[in-house]
N, C-alpha and C. Protein backbone atom coordinates (compact mmCIF):
# COMPACT_ATOMS: atom_id res chain seq x y z
N MET A 1 91.85 79.10 -76.01
CA MET A 1 92.09 77.46 -75.56
C MET A 1 92.69 78.49 -74.29
N GLY A 2 92.23 79.21 -74.43
CA GLY A 2 92.38 80.10 -72.92
C GLY A 2 94.42 80.35 -72.41
N GLY A 3 94.94 80.21 -73.68
CA GLY A 3 96.62 80.80 -73.41
C GLY A 3 97.38 79.92 -73.84
N LEU A 4 97.06 78.59 -73.18
CA LEU A 4 97.77 77.77 -73.41
C LEU A 4 97.55 76.38 -74.78
N ASN A 5 98.90 75.85 -75.17
CA ASN A 5 99.53 74.93 -75.31
C ASN A 5 99.23 74.09 -75.93
N ASP A 6 99.82 73.26 -76.72
CA ASP A 6 99.96 71.66 -76.40
C ASP A 6 101.00 71.25 -76.05
N SER A 7 101.35 72.93 -75.88
CA SER A 7 103.69 72.06 -75.43
C SER A 7 103.25 71.90 -73.78
N GLY A 8 102.77 71.83 -72.99
CA GLY A 8 102.61 71.67 -72.11
C GLY A 8 102.52 73.15 -70.50
N GLY A 9 101.91 74.25 -70.90
CA GLY A 9 102.17 75.52 -70.48
C GLY A 9 102.60 76.24 -70.44
N ILE A 10 102.87 77.22 -72.46
CA ILE A 10 103.37 78.22 -72.77
C ILE A 10 101.82 79.11 -73.05
N GLY A 11 101.88 80.12 -72.55
CA GLY A 11 100.98 81.05 -72.54
C GLY A 11 101.04 82.75 -73.46
N MET A 12 99.73 83.33 -73.05
CA MET A 12 100.20 84.53 -73.52
C MET A 12 100.81 85.12 -72.55
N CYS A 13 101.14 85.10 -70.96
CA CYS A 13 102.61 85.80 -70.57
C CYS A 13 104.28 84.78 -70.29
N GLY A 14 103.68 83.87 -70.81
CA GLY A 14 104.83 82.62 -71.12
C GLY A 14 104.31 81.11 -70.54
N ASP A 15 104.96 81.48 -69.43
CA ASP A 15 104.91 80.43 -68.49
C ASP A 15 103.78 80.26 -68.12
N THR A 16 102.28 80.13 -68.24
CA THR A 16 101.61 80.49 -66.69
C THR A 16 102.20 79.25 -65.98
N ARG A 17 102.80 78.93 -64.92
CA ARG A 17 103.14 78.62 -63.98
C ARG A 17 103.67 80.08 -63.03
N LEU A 18 104.28 80.85 -64.46
CA LEU A 18 104.88 82.34 -63.86
C LEU A 18 104.23 83.49 -63.96
N CYS A 19 102.55 83.24 -64.23
CA CYS A 19 101.81 84.05 -64.32
C CYS A 19 102.31 84.99 -63.07
N ASP A 20 101.71 84.39 -61.09
CA ASP A 20 101.77 84.93 -60.10
C ASP A 20 103.17 85.64 -60.63
N SER A 21 102.83 87.43 -60.11
CA SER A 21 104.24 88.44 -60.04
C SER A 21 105.47 87.65 -59.16
N GLY A 22 105.14 86.98 -58.10
CA GLY A 22 106.22 86.72 -56.91
C GLY A 22 106.64 85.05 -57.20
N ASP A 23 106.36 84.88 -58.36
CA ASP A 23 106.75 83.68 -58.71
C ASP A 23 107.30 84.24 -60.58
N LEU A 24 107.01 84.53 -60.72
CA LEU A 24 108.03 85.42 -61.87
C LEU A 24 109.56 86.34 -61.24
N VAL A 25 109.35 87.02 -60.03
CA VAL A 25 110.34 87.91 -59.18
C VAL A 25 111.14 86.83 -58.73
N LYS A 26 110.35 85.18 -57.95
CA LYS A 26 111.63 84.07 -57.75
C LYS A 26 112.19 83.83 -59.49
N ARG A 27 111.56 84.07 -59.86
CA ARG A 27 112.06 83.02 -61.03
C ARG A 27 113.56 83.95 -61.65
N GLU A 28 112.67 85.06 -62.00
CA GLU A 28 114.12 85.94 -62.54
C GLU A 28 115.56 85.99 -60.61
N LEU A 29 115.16 86.02 -60.03
CA LEU A 29 115.83 86.39 -59.24
C LEU A 29 117.26 85.14 -58.85
N GLN A 30 116.83 83.83 -59.21
CA GLN A 30 117.26 82.77 -59.73
C GLN A 30 118.65 82.30 -60.07
N HIS A 31 119.58 83.60 -60.99
CA HIS A 31 120.16 83.70 -62.18
C HIS A 31 120.75 84.45 -61.24
N LEU A 32 120.95 84.94 -60.35
CA LEU A 32 121.58 85.57 -59.42
C LEU A 32 121.86 85.58 -58.16
N THR A 33 123.09 85.41 -57.83
CA THR A 33 124.37 84.42 -56.73
C THR A 33 123.86 85.73 -55.61
N ARG A 34 123.75 85.12 -54.86
CA ARG A 34 123.51 84.75 -53.55
C ARG A 34 123.51 86.15 -52.72
N GLU A 35 125.03 86.91 -52.38
CA GLU A 35 125.12 87.40 -52.55
C GLU A 35 124.48 88.98 -53.17
N GLU A 36 123.99 88.53 -54.36
CA GLU A 36 123.96 90.12 -55.72
C GLU A 36 121.93 89.67 -54.76
N ARG A 37 121.57 89.09 -54.93
CA ARG A 37 120.04 89.22 -54.27
C ARG A 37 119.52 89.46 -52.68
N ARG A 38 120.97 89.08 -52.19
CA ARG A 38 120.85 90.52 -50.70
C ARG A 38 121.31 91.66 -51.29
N ARG A 39 121.50 92.26 -51.68
CA ARG A 39 122.18 93.39 -51.74
C ARG A 39 121.01 94.11 -53.29
N ARG A 40 120.25 93.65 -53.60
CA ARG A 40 118.52 93.51 -53.89
C ARG A 40 117.95 93.70 -52.86
N ARG A 41 117.71 92.77 -52.31
CA ARG A 41 117.02 92.73 -51.49
C ARG A 41 116.92 94.09 -49.95
N ARG A 42 118.40 94.02 -50.13
CA ARG A 42 118.31 95.21 -49.23
C ARG A 42 118.32 96.50 -49.51
N ALA A 43 117.94 96.49 -51.08
CA ALA A 43 117.69 97.83 -51.74
C ALA A 43 116.63 98.40 -51.57
N THR A 44 115.63 97.61 -50.96
CA THR A 44 114.46 98.12 -50.80
C THR A 44 113.67 99.07 -49.64
N ALA A 45 113.43 99.25 -50.09
CA ALA A 45 112.57 100.76 -49.15
C ALA A 45 112.17 100.20 -47.42
N LYS A 46 112.22 99.15 -47.42
CA LYS A 46 110.98 98.46 -46.60
C LYS A 46 112.36 97.83 -45.51
N TYR A 47 112.75 97.10 -47.00
CA TYR A 47 114.38 96.63 -45.68
C TYR A 47 114.41 98.06 -45.44
N ARG A 48 114.96 98.89 -45.37
CA ARG A 48 116.02 99.86 -44.70
C ARG A 48 115.00 101.19 -43.59
N THR A 49 113.86 100.39 -44.15
CA THR A 49 113.16 101.11 -42.75
C THR A 49 112.99 99.96 -41.34
N ALA A 50 113.40 99.25 -41.83
CA ALA A 50 113.20 97.51 -41.24
C ALA A 50 114.81 97.87 -40.42
N HIS A 51 115.83 97.95 -41.41
CA HIS A 51 116.66 97.70 -40.73
C HIS A 51 117.55 99.19 -39.81
N ALA A 52 116.58 100.55 -40.28
CA ALA A 52 116.13 101.87 -39.74
C ALA A 52 116.25 102.05 -38.12
N THR A 53 114.93 100.77 -38.26
CA THR A 53 114.40 100.30 -36.71
C THR A 53 115.19 100.12 -35.54
N ARG A 54 115.16 98.60 -36.22
CA ARG A 54 115.99 97.84 -35.06
C ARG A 54 117.73 98.63 -35.45
N GLU A 55 117.73 99.13 -35.89
CA GLU A 55 119.14 99.77 -34.81
C GLU A 55 119.96 101.06 -34.81
N ARG A 56 117.70 101.72 -34.16
CA ARG A 56 117.49 103.05 -34.02
C ARG A 56 117.88 101.51 -31.95
N ILE A 57 117.31 101.07 -32.64
CA ILE A 57 116.40 100.07 -30.50
C ILE A 57 117.70 99.73 -30.59
N ARG A 58 118.66 99.00 -31.49
CA ARG A 58 120.50 98.30 -30.36
C ARG A 58 120.38 99.32 -30.13
N VAL A 59 121.48 101.20 -30.60
CA VAL A 59 121.70 101.73 -30.02
C VAL A 59 120.72 102.65 -28.92
N GLU A 60 119.63 102.57 -28.32
CA GLU A 60 118.70 103.02 -27.01
C GLU A 60 119.10 102.17 -26.03
N ALA A 61 119.44 100.58 -25.87
CA ALA A 61 119.65 99.39 -25.93
C ALA A 61 121.29 99.76 -25.02
N PHE A 62 121.80 100.05 -26.05
CA PHE A 62 123.05 100.10 -26.15
C PHE A 62 123.49 101.40 -24.73
N ASN A 63 122.69 102.44 -24.93
CA ASN A 63 123.50 103.96 -24.85
C ASN A 63 122.58 103.75 -22.86
N MET A 64 121.93 103.05 -23.16
CA MET A 64 121.09 102.70 -21.70
C MET A 64 121.47 101.82 -21.18
N ALA A 65 122.29 100.86 -21.80
CA ALA A 65 123.45 100.66 -20.37
C ALA A 65 124.61 101.00 -20.17
N PHE A 66 124.59 102.08 -20.84
CA PHE A 66 126.34 103.18 -20.55
C PHE A 66 125.26 103.57 -19.16
N ALA A 67 124.37 104.76 -19.47
CA ALA A 67 123.49 104.70 -18.84
C ALA A 67 123.10 104.20 -17.31
N GLU A 68 123.10 102.84 -16.86
CA GLU A 68 123.32 102.76 -15.56
C GLU A 68 124.31 102.54 -15.77
N LEU A 69 125.26 101.79 -16.11
CA LEU A 69 127.32 101.82 -15.63
C LEU A 69 127.57 102.72 -15.03
N ARG A 70 127.15 103.54 -15.98
CA ARG A 70 127.32 105.50 -14.86
C ARG A 70 126.36 105.68 -14.09
N LYS A 71 125.38 104.91 -13.66
CA LYS A 71 124.74 105.89 -12.13
C LYS A 71 125.90 104.40 -10.14
N LEU A 72 126.09 104.13 -11.29
CA LEU A 72 126.96 102.69 -10.07
C LEU A 72 128.19 103.31 -9.89
N LEU A 73 129.03 104.35 -11.30
CA LEU A 73 130.48 104.95 -10.99
C LEU A 73 130.49 105.84 -9.90
N PRO A 74 131.59 106.38 -8.66
CA PRO A 74 132.09 106.70 -8.32
C PRO A 74 132.31 108.02 -9.20
N THR A 75 132.31 109.85 -8.87
CA THR A 75 133.25 111.09 -9.40
C THR A 75 132.95 111.75 -8.94
N LEU A 76 133.54 112.56 -9.14
CA LEU A 76 133.28 114.24 -8.94
C LEU A 76 133.32 114.77 -10.04
N PRO A 77 132.57 115.58 -9.81
CA PRO A 77 131.41 116.16 -9.50
C PRO A 77 130.54 114.25 -9.83
N PRO A 78 129.48 114.16 -9.05
CA PRO A 78 128.56 113.19 -9.43
C PRO A 78 128.40 113.11 -10.97
N ASP A 79 127.34 114.37 -11.88
CA ASP A 79 126.40 114.27 -12.20
C ASP A 79 128.42 114.86 -13.64
N LYS A 80 129.51 115.00 -13.63
CA LYS A 80 129.95 115.04 -14.61
C LYS A 80 128.96 113.70 -16.17
N LYS A 81 129.95 114.71 -16.79
CA LYS A 81 129.52 113.79 -18.31
C LYS A 81 130.62 112.60 -18.79
N LEU A 82 130.55 111.83 -19.49
CA LEU A 82 131.59 111.17 -19.39
C LEU A 82 131.37 110.43 -20.56
N SER A 83 132.60 110.25 -21.74
CA SER A 83 132.34 109.73 -22.69
C SER A 83 132.99 108.09 -22.75
N LYS A 84 131.69 107.41 -23.94
CA LYS A 84 131.60 105.85 -23.32
C LYS A 84 132.75 104.86 -22.71
N ILE A 85 134.37 105.37 -23.19
CA ILE A 85 135.40 105.43 -23.66
C ILE A 85 135.93 105.12 -21.96
N GLU A 86 135.86 106.67 -21.56
CA GLU A 86 135.66 106.93 -20.09
C GLU A 86 135.29 105.97 -19.23
N ILE A 87 133.62 106.05 -19.23
CA ILE A 87 133.17 104.74 -18.24
C ILE A 87 133.68 103.43 -18.40
N LEU A 88 134.01 103.05 -19.44
CA LEU A 88 134.79 101.64 -19.44
C LEU A 88 135.72 101.85 -18.50
N ARG A 89 136.82 102.68 -18.80
CA ARG A 89 137.80 102.46 -17.84
C ARG A 89 138.06 102.60 -17.08
N LEU A 90 137.16 103.78 -16.12
CA LEU A 90 136.67 103.95 -14.76
C LEU A 90 135.91 102.34 -14.26
N ALA A 91 135.26 102.42 -14.89
CA ALA A 91 134.70 100.72 -14.77
C ALA A 91 135.42 99.88 -14.13
N ILE A 92 136.54 100.48 -14.91
CA ILE A 92 137.70 98.74 -14.90
C ILE A 92 138.64 98.67 -13.65
N CYS A 93 138.82 100.54 -13.53
CA CYS A 93 139.49 100.78 -12.41
C CYS A 93 138.33 100.36 -11.13
N TYR A 94 137.60 101.07 -11.16
CA TYR A 94 136.96 100.50 -10.29
C TYR A 94 136.39 99.16 -9.99
N ILE A 95 135.98 98.29 -10.56
CA ILE A 95 136.60 96.89 -10.21
C ILE A 95 137.60 96.83 -9.94
N SER A 96 138.88 97.04 -10.50
CA SER A 96 140.08 96.48 -9.61
C SER A 96 139.61 97.22 -8.31
N TYR A 97 139.94 98.18 -7.70
CA TYR A 97 140.09 98.25 -6.83
C TYR A 97 139.02 98.16 -5.47
N LEU A 98 137.67 97.79 -6.25
CA LEU A 98 137.11 97.04 -4.81
C LEU A 98 137.95 95.17 -5.27
N ASN A 99 138.18 94.68 -6.08
CA ASN A 99 139.03 94.02 -6.15
C ASN A 99 139.76 93.88 -4.65
N HIS A 100 140.54 94.75 -5.15
CA HIS A 100 141.37 95.19 -4.18
C HIS A 100 140.84 95.26 -2.51
N VAL A 101 140.34 96.32 -2.61
CA VAL A 101 139.23 95.85 -0.51
C VAL A 101 138.98 94.87 -0.44
N LEU A 102 138.36 93.84 -1.41
CA LEU A 102 138.07 92.57 -0.98
C LEU A 102 138.82 91.57 -0.83
N ASP A 103 140.46 92.39 -0.87
CA ASP A 103 140.85 90.83 -0.50
C ASP A 103 142.16 91.29 0.76
N VAL A 104 141.73 92.39 1.33
CA VAL A 104 142.69 93.67 2.61
C VAL A 104 142.08 93.15 3.49
């Protein structure tokens, strides 16, 4: 009878509606909590690779923003290497100075 019996769906691979491996995986994951499903999804190599790529792009954009800000700040010598915190502190001081100049 092609793997089906009279009970309406039980066949050689269990429930015939689950013969598709994607459906089987979904059924297996249904009993897990949301957090457990999230952890399993994040554990895949495909997810980790995609996450690493997104993170690399984010960090590159972050560093480019600091480089652009750095170009706008006056220092002696002009090519002095500054840390990110130094760039932020110098930007704060420079903005305060410019506000003071405009107020005078």
